[in-house]
C-alpha atoms as a PDB file:
ATOM      1  CA  PRO A   1       0.000   0.000   0.000  1.00  0.00           C
ATOM      2  CA  ASN A   2       1.077   3.582  -0.629  1.00  0.00           C
ATOM      3  CA  PRO A   3       1.491   5.837   2.387  1.00  0.00           C
ATOM      4  CA  VAL A   4      -1.147   8.564   2.757  1.00  0.00           C
ATOM      5  CA  SER A   5       0.319  12.060   2.645  1.00  0.00           C
ATOM      6  CA  MET A   6      -0.538  14.419   5.513  1.00  0.00           C
ATOM      7  CA  SER A   7       2.182  16.885   4.574  1.00  0.00           C
ATOM      8  CA  SER A   8       3.137  19.838   6.710  1.00  0.00           C
ATOM      9  CA  PRO A   9       5.664  22.365   5.406  1.00  0.00           C
ATOM     10  CA  VAL A  10       7.020  22.734   8.953  1.00  0.00           C
ATOM     11  CA  ILE A  11       7.402  19.172  10.308  1.00  0.00           C
ATOM     12  CA  GLY A  12       6.703  16.989   7.249  1.00  0.00           C
ATOM     13  CA  ASP A  13       4.577  13.845   7.245  1.00  0.00           C
ATOM     14  CA  LEU A  14       4.183  11.433  10.126  1.00  0.00           C
ATOM     15  CA  CYS A  15       5.619   8.109   8.995  1.00  0.00           C
ATOM     16  CA  PRO A  16       2.599   5.903   8.167  1.00  0.00           C
ATOM     17  CA  ALA A  17       1.797   2.486   9.563  1.00  0.00           C
ATOM     18  CA  GLY A  18       3.605  -0.272   7.651  1.00  0.00           C
ATOM     19  CA  TYR A  19       6.653   1.960   7.117  1.00  0.00           C
ATOM     20  CA  TYR A  20       9.595   3.465   8.981  1.00  0.00           C
ATOM     21  CA  CYS A  21      11.327   6.793   8.391  1.00  0.00           C
ATOM     22  CA  LEU A  22      14.979   7.290   9.270  1.00  0.00           C
ATOM     23  CA  ALA A  23      16.286  10.757  10.105  1.00  0.00           C
ATOM     24  CA  ALA A  24      16.504  12.948   6.970  1.00  0.00           C
ATOM     25  CA  SER A  25      14.124  10.641   5.032  1.00  0.00           C
ATOM     26  CA  GLN A  26      12.513  12.080   1.933  1.00  0.00           C
ATOM     27  CA  ALA A  27      10.064   9.163   1.665  1.00  0.00           C
ATOM     28  CA  PRO A  28       8.890   6.352   3.952  1.00  0.00           C
ATOM     29  CA  THR A  29      10.610   2.933   3.684  1.00  0.00           C
ATOM     30  CA  PRO A  30       8.247  -0.065   3.714  1.00  0.00           C
ATOM     31  CA  CYS A  31       8.700  -2.609   6.463  1.00  0.00           C
ATOM     32  CA  PRO A  32      10.057  -5.830   4.890  1.00  0.00           C
ATOM     33  CA  ALA A  33       7.902  -8.863   4.200  1.00  0.00           C
ATOM     34  CA  ASP A  34       7.314 -11.015   7.291  1.00  0.00           C
ATOM     35  CA  THR A  35       7.472  -7.975   9.569  1.00  0.00           C
ATOM     36  CA  LEU A  36       4.680  -5.727  10.847  1.00  0.00           C
ATOM     37  CA  ARG A  37       4.291  -2.085  11.879  1.00  0.00           C
ATOM     38  CA  GLU A  38       0.654  -1.502  12.877  1.00  0.00           C
ATOM     39  CA  THR A  39       0.970   2.105  14.044  1.00  0.00           C
ATOM     40  CA  SER A  40       2.377   5.260  12.520  1.00  0.00           C
ATOM     41  CA  GLY A  41       5.617   6.945  13.573  1.00  0.00           C
ATOM     42  CA  GLY A  42       8.146   4.166  12.913  1.00  0.00           C
ATOM     43  CA  LYS A  43      11.717   5.540  13.120  1.00  0.00           C
ATOM     44  CA  THR A  44      13.999   2.567  12.342  1.00  0.00           C
ATOM     45  CA  LEU A  45      13.898  -0.918  10.873  1.00  0.00           C
ATOM     46  CA  GLN A  46      13.725  -2.232  14.440  1.00  0.00           C
ATOM     47  CA  ASP A  47      10.248  -0.676  14.704  1.00  0.00           C
ATOM     48  CA  CYS A  48       9.090  -3.288  12.173  1.00  0.00           C
ATOM     49  CA  LEU A  49       8.297  -6.221  14.446  1.00  0.00           C
ATOM     50  CA  ALA A  50       8.343  -9.921  13.606  1.00  0.00           C
ATOM     51  CA  CYS A  51       5.080 -11.135  12.122  1.00  0.00           C
ATOM     52  CA  PRO A  52       3.074 -12.895  14.871  1.00  0.00           C
ATOM     53  CA  VAL A  53       2.615 -16.654  14.689  1.00  0.00           C
ATOM     54  CA  GLY A  54      -0.502 -17.727  12.816  1.00  0.00           C
ATOM     55  CA  TYR A  55      -0.279 -14.752  10.452  1.00  0.00           C
ATOM     56  CA  LYS A  56       1.338 -13.659   7.185  1.00  0.00           C
ATOM     57  CA  CYS A  57       2.721 -10.126   6.847  1.00  0.00           C
ATOM     58  CA  PHE A  58       3.440  -8.325   3.579  1.00  0.00           C
ATOM     59  CA  SER A  59       5.875  -5.522   2.882  1.00  0.00           C
ATOM     60  CA  GLY A  60       4.425  -2.110   3.736  1.00  0.00           C
ATOM     61  CA  ASP A  61       1.094  -3.569   4.886  1.00  0.00           C
ATOM     62  CA  PRO A  62       0.089  -2.566   8.435  1.00  0.00           C
ATOM     63  CA  VAL A  63      -2.547  -5.334   8.599  1.00  0.00           C
ATOM     64  CA  LYS A  64      -1.553  -8.896   9.490  1.00  0.00           C
ATOM     65  CA  ARG A  65      -3.390 -11.589   7.478  1.00  0.00           C
ATOM     66  CA  PRO A  66      -4.463 -14.915   9.041  1.00  0.00           C
ATOM     67  CA  CYS A  67      -2.596 -17.934   7.755  1.00  0.00           C
ATOM     68  CA  SER A  68      -4.693 -19.562   5.014  1.00  0.00           C
ATOM     69  CA  PRO A  69      -6.520 -22.888   5.495  1.00  0.00           C
ATOM     70  CA  GLY A  70      -4.300 -25.788   4.440  1.00  0.00           C
ATOM     71  CA  TYR A  71      -1.225 -24.056   5.880  1.00  0.00           C
ATOM     72  CA  TYR A  72       0.307 -23.126   9.201  1.00  0.00           C
ATOM     73  CA  CYS A  73       2.457 -20.084   9.930  1.00  0.00           C
ATOM     74  CA  PRO A  74       5.059 -20.435  12.693  1.00  0.00           C
ATOM     75  CA  ALA A  75       7.396 -17.607  13.674  1.00  0.00           C
ATOM     76  CA  ASP A  76       8.508 -14.854  11.285  1.00  0.00           C
ATOM     77  CA  GLY A  77       5.627 -15.185   8.857  1.00  0.00           C
ATOM     78  CA  THR A  78       6.816 -18.423   7.280  1.00  0.00           C
ATOM     79  CA  THR A  79       4.005 -20.280   5.476  1.00  0.00           C
ATOM     80  CA  ILE A  80       4.203 -24.102   5.510  1.00  0.00           C
ATOM     81  CA  PRO A  81       1.685 -26.353   3.739  1.00  0.00           C
ATOM     82  CA  CYS A  82       0.120 -29.260   5.579  1.00  0.00           C
ATOM     83  CA  PRO A  83       1.557 -32.431   4.001  1.00  0.00           C
ATOM     84  CA  ALA A  84      -0.429 -34.764   1.765  1.00  0.00           C
ATOM     85  CA  GLY A  85      -2.461 -37.182   3.893  1.00  0.00           C
ATOM     86  CA  SER A  86      -3.518 -34.372   6.224  1.00  0.00           C
ATOM     87  CA  TYR A  87      -5.726 -31.275   6.096  1.00  0.00           C
ATOM     88  CA  ASN A  88      -6.394 -28.013   7.912  1.00  0.00           C
ATOM     89  CA  SER A  89      -9.753 -26.304   7.425  1.00  0.00           C
ATOM     90  CA  ARG A  90      -9.232 -23.220   9.610  1.00  0.00           C
ATOM     91  CA  GLN A  91      -7.415 -19.904   9.303  1.00  0.00           C
ATOM     92  CA  GLY A  92      -4.664 -18.693  11.593  1.00  0.00           C
ATOM     93  CA  ALA A  93      -2.915 -22.001  12.340  1.00  0.00           C
ATOM     94  CA  SER A  94       0.473 -21.509  13.989  1.00  0.00           C
ATOM     95  CA  ASN A  95       1.985 -25.008  14.106  1.00  0.00           C
ATOM     96  CA  SER A  96       1.833 -28.462  12.537  1.00  0.00           C
ATOM     97  CA  SER A  97      -0.670 -29.755  15.116  1.00  0.00           C
ATOM     98  CA  ALA A  98      -3.323 -27.945  13.046  1.00  0.00           C
ATOM     99  CA  CYS A  99      -2.700 -30.446  10.227  1.00  0.00           C
ATOM    100  CA  LEU A 100      -5.176 -33.210  11.078  1.00  0.00           C
ATOM    101  CA  PRO A 101      -5.114 -36.767   9.684  1.00  0.00           C
ATOM    102  CA  CYS A 102      -7.282 -37.214   6.630  1.00  0.00           C
ATOM    103  CA  PRO A 103     -10.302 -39.210   7.881  1.00  0.00           C
ATOM    104  CA  ALA A 104     -10.877 -42.796   6.814  1.00  0.00           C
ATOM    105  CA  GLY A 105     -13.032 -42.927   3.698  1.00  0.00           C
ATOM    106  CA  TYR A 106     -11.300 -39.921   2.143  1.00  0.00           C
ATOM    107  CA  PHE A 107      -7.883 -39.168   0.700  1.00  0.00           C
ATOM    108  CA  CYS A 108      -5.936 -35.909   0.972  1.00  0.00           C
ATOM    109  CA  ARG A 109      -3.883 -36.166  -2.191  1.00  0.00           C
ATOM    110  CA  ASP A 110      -2.162 -32.771  -2.211  1.00  0.00           C
ATOM    111  CA  ASN A 111      -0.126 -30.631   0.110  1.00  0.00           C
ATOM    112  CA  ALA A 112      -2.175 -27.783   1.640  1.00  0.00           C
ATOM    113  CA  THR A 113      -5.529 -29.596   1.555  1.00  0.00           C
ATOM    114  CA  SER A 114      -8.178 -27.514   3.326  1.00  0.00           C
ATOM    115  CA  ASN A 115     -11.325 -29.552   2.545  1.00  0.00           C
ATOM    116  CA  TYR A 116     -10.989 -33.350   2.573  1.00  0.00           C
ATOM    117  CA  ALA A 117     -14.695 -33.831   1.720  1.00  0.00           C
ATOM    118  CA  VAL A 118     -14.037 -33.072  -1.951  1.00  0.00           C
ATOM    119  CA  TYR A 119     -11.958 -36.287  -2.196  1.00  0.00           C
ATOM    120  CA  PRO A 120     -14.189 -39.226  -1.180  1.00  0.00           C
ATOM    121  CA  CYS A 121     -12.582 -42.599  -1.729  1.00  0.00           C
ATOM    122  CA  PRO A 122     -13.624 -43.792  -5.220  1.00  0.00           C
ATOM    123  CA  ILE A 123     -15.498 -47.013  -5.862  1.00  0.00           C
ATOM    124  CA  GLY A 124     -13.291 -50.098  -6.173  1.00  0.00           C
ATOM    125  CA  ASN A 125     -10.958 -48.689  -3.497  1.00  0.00           C
ATOM    126  CA  PHE A 126     -10.642 -48.039   0.225  1.00  0.00           C
ATOM    127  CA  CYS A 127      -8.916 -45.171   2.018  1.00  0.00           C
ATOM    128  CA  PRO A 128      -7.566 -45.672   5.549  1.00  0.00           C
ATOM    129  CA  GLN A 129      -6.922 -42.678   7.790  1.00  0.00           C
ATOM    130  CA  SER A 130      -4.092 -40.342   6.728  1.00  0.00           C
ATOM    131  CA  THR A 131      -3.843 -41.644   3.183  1.00  0.00           C
ATOM    132  CA  ASN A 132      -2.962 -39.454   0.201  1.00  0.00           C
ATOM    133  CA  ALA A 133      -4.036 -42.035  -2.401  1.00  0.00           C
ATOM    134  CA  PRO A 134      -6.807 -44.649  -2.677  1.00  0.00           C
ATOM    135  CA  VAL A 135      -5.868 -48.303  -2.101  1.00  0.00           C
ATOM    136  CA  PRO A 136      -7.456 -50.769  -4.590  1.00  0.00           C
ATOM    137  CA  CYS A 137      -9.738 -53.442  -3.197  1.00  0.00           C
ATOM    138  CA  PRO A 138      -7.934 -56.784  -3.565  1.00  0.00           C
ATOM    139  CA  SER A 139      -8.834 -59.327  -6.211  1.00  0.00           C
ATOM    140  CA  GLY A 140     -11.801 -61.434  -5.139  1.00  0.00           C
ATOM    141  CA  THR A 141     -13.584 -58.444  -3.595  1.00  0.00           C
ATOM    142  CA  TYR A 142     -15.471 -55.412  -4.897  1.00  0.00           C
ATOM    143  CA  ARG A 143     -16.699 -52.022  -3.716  1.00  0.00           C
ATOM    144  CA  ASN A 144     -19.586 -50.259  -5.472  1.00  0.00           C
ATOM    145  CA  GLN A 145     -20.008 -47.263  -3.138  1.00  0.00           C
ATOM    146  CA  LEU A 146     -17.863 -44.237  -2.360  1.00  0.00           C
ATOM    147  CA  ALA A 147     -15.952 -43.562   0.871  1.00  0.00           C
ATOM    148  CA  ALA A 148     -14.780 -47.001   2.043  1.00  0.00           C
ATOM    149  CA  GLY A 149     -12.472 -46.509   5.008  1.00  0.00           C
ATOM    150  CA  SER A 150     -10.880 -49.956   5.301  1.00  0.00           C
ATOM    151  CA  MET A 151     -10.294 -53.182   3.391  1.00  0.00           C
ATOM    152  CA  ALA A 152     -13.105 -54.733   5.463  1.00  0.00           C
ATOM    153  CA  GLU A 153     -15.494 -52.560   3.438  1.00  0.00           C
ATOM    154  CA  CYS A 154     -14.467 -54.341   0.225  1.00  0.00           C
ATOM    155  CA  THR A 155     -17.199 -56.999  -0.160  1.00  0.00           C
ATOM    156  CA  VAL A 156     -16.219 -60.622  -0.872  1.00  0.00           C
ATOM    157  CA  CYS A 157     -17.242 -61.639  -4.374  1.00  0.00           C
ATOM    158  CA  PRO A 158     -20.285 -63.977  -4.209  1.00  0.00           C
ATOM    159  CA  ALA A 159     -20.221 -67.555  -5.491  1.00  0.00           C
ATOM    160  CA  GLY A 160     -20.922 -67.762  -9.230  1.00  0.00           C
ATOM    161  CA  TYR A 161     -19.139 -64.490  -9.878  1.00  0.00           C
ATOM    162  CA  TYR A 162     -15.572 -63.195 -10.019  1.00  0.00           C
ATOM    163  CA  CYS A 163     -14.010 -59.865  -9.063  1.00  0.00           C
ATOM    164  CA  THR A 164     -10.772 -58.595 -10.553  1.00  0.00           C
ATOM    165  CA  PHE A 165      -8.371 -56.132  -8.888  1.00  0.00           C
ATOM    166  CA  ALA A 166     -10.110 -52.862  -7.821  1.00  0.00           C
ATOM    167  CA  ALA A 167     -13.484 -54.218  -8.965  1.00  0.00           C
ATOM    168  CA  THR A 168     -16.482 -51.918  -8.735  1.00  0.00           C
ATOM    169  CA  PHE A 169     -18.934 -54.809  -9.216  1.00  0.00           C
ATOM    170  CA  TYR A 170     -18.878 -58.591  -9.764  1.00  0.00           C
ATOM    171  CA  SER A 171     -18.944 -60.341 -13.143  1.00  0.00           C
ATOM    172  CA  PRO A 172     -20.778 -63.639 -13.813  1.00  0.00           C
ATOM    173  CA  CYS A 173     -18.844 -66.810 -14.529  1.00  0.00           C
ATOM    174  CA  VAL A 174     -19.310 -67.943 -18.117  1.00  0.00           C
ATOM    175  CA  GLY A 175     -20.361 -71.433 -19.141  1.00  0.00           C
ATOM    176  CA  GLY A 176     -17.577 -73.993 -18.808  1.00  0.00           C
ATOM    177  CA  THR A 177     -16.155 -72.289 -15.714  1.00  0.00           C
ATOM    178  CA  PHE A 178     -17.028 -72.049 -12.037  1.00  0.00           C
ATOM    179  CA  CYS A 179     -16.428 -69.387  -9.400  1.00  0.00           C
ATOM    180  CA  PRO A 180     -16.378 -70.118  -5.665  1.00  0.00           C
ATOM    181  CA  SER A 181     -16.980 -67.217  -3.272  1.00  0.00           C
ATOM    182  CA  GLY A 182     -14.043 -64.793  -3.373  1.00  0.00           C
ATOM    183  CA  SER A 183     -12.934 -65.693  -6.921  1.00  0.00           C
ATOM    184  CA  SER A 184     -10.691 -63.291  -8.773  1.00  0.00           C
ATOM    185  CA  LEU A 185     -11.007 -65.158 -12.098  1.00  0.00           C
ATOM    186  CA  PRO A 186     -13.203 -67.987 -13.439  1.00  0.00           C
ATOM    187  CA  ILE A 187     -11.834 -71.508 -12.976  1.00  0.00           C
ATOM    188  CA  THR A 188     -12.066 -73.982 -15.861  1.00  0.00           C
ATOM    189  CA  CYS A 189     -14.596 -76.700 -15.220  1.00  0.00           C
ATOM    190  CA  PRO A 190     -12.662 -79.996 -14.698  1.00  0.00           C
ATOM    191  CA  ALA A 191     -13.114 -83.087 -16.822  1.00  0.00           C
ATOM    192  CA  GLY A 192     -15.942 -85.271 -15.552  1.00  0.00           C
ATOM    193  CA  SER A 193     -18.021 -82.216 -14.549  1.00  0.00           C
ATOM    194  CA  TYR A 194     -20.099 -79.651 -16.367  1.00  0.00           C
ATOM    195  CA  CYS A 195     -20.595 -75.994 -15.522  1.00  0.00           C
ATOM    196  CA  PRO A 196     -23.602 -74.316 -17.162  1.00  0.00           C
ATOM    197  CA  PRO A 197     -23.740 -70.512 -17.438  1.00  0.00           C
ATOM    198  CA  LEU A 198     -25.687 -68.619 -14.776  1.00  0.00           C
END
């Protein structure tokens, strides 16, 4: 922001908030990024104070800004993203404890996730707590609904059907094959038996 002039021909301008003015200054000097001067009258660089934790401070800006969701801001205005597999939905976080584990049934795929609900676990997969990527349901099981939180939510393939890796539904065994419960592929009907189609 530009300083507002309140010029006096006798004493000059009072140094505005967000700036400091050394002796013999002809113009205000903005406080550096990651420092803050909230009041007018700053005289030296030392009058620009360290940005408080939980906030971000911009050069020449007298207003501290809350750390954005998905991030935390420890000392000196540093901005650090929450790692993949975690999320932070609130402003003003000051340390990594604000980065919460992604709940089971969802995946937090990116750094700086602020809303895990936009990433429900896709069908054919399950997502345990703190995951950044879906885990496929194993062969012989299927999952036809969103937001499975554990492998136990992958349903065992019923008898007469087979379920390949990451299956979203079960497929019927064809004639000449059979499929016990939990089959990942049809099994050829042995000699001396017959296996009609379903």
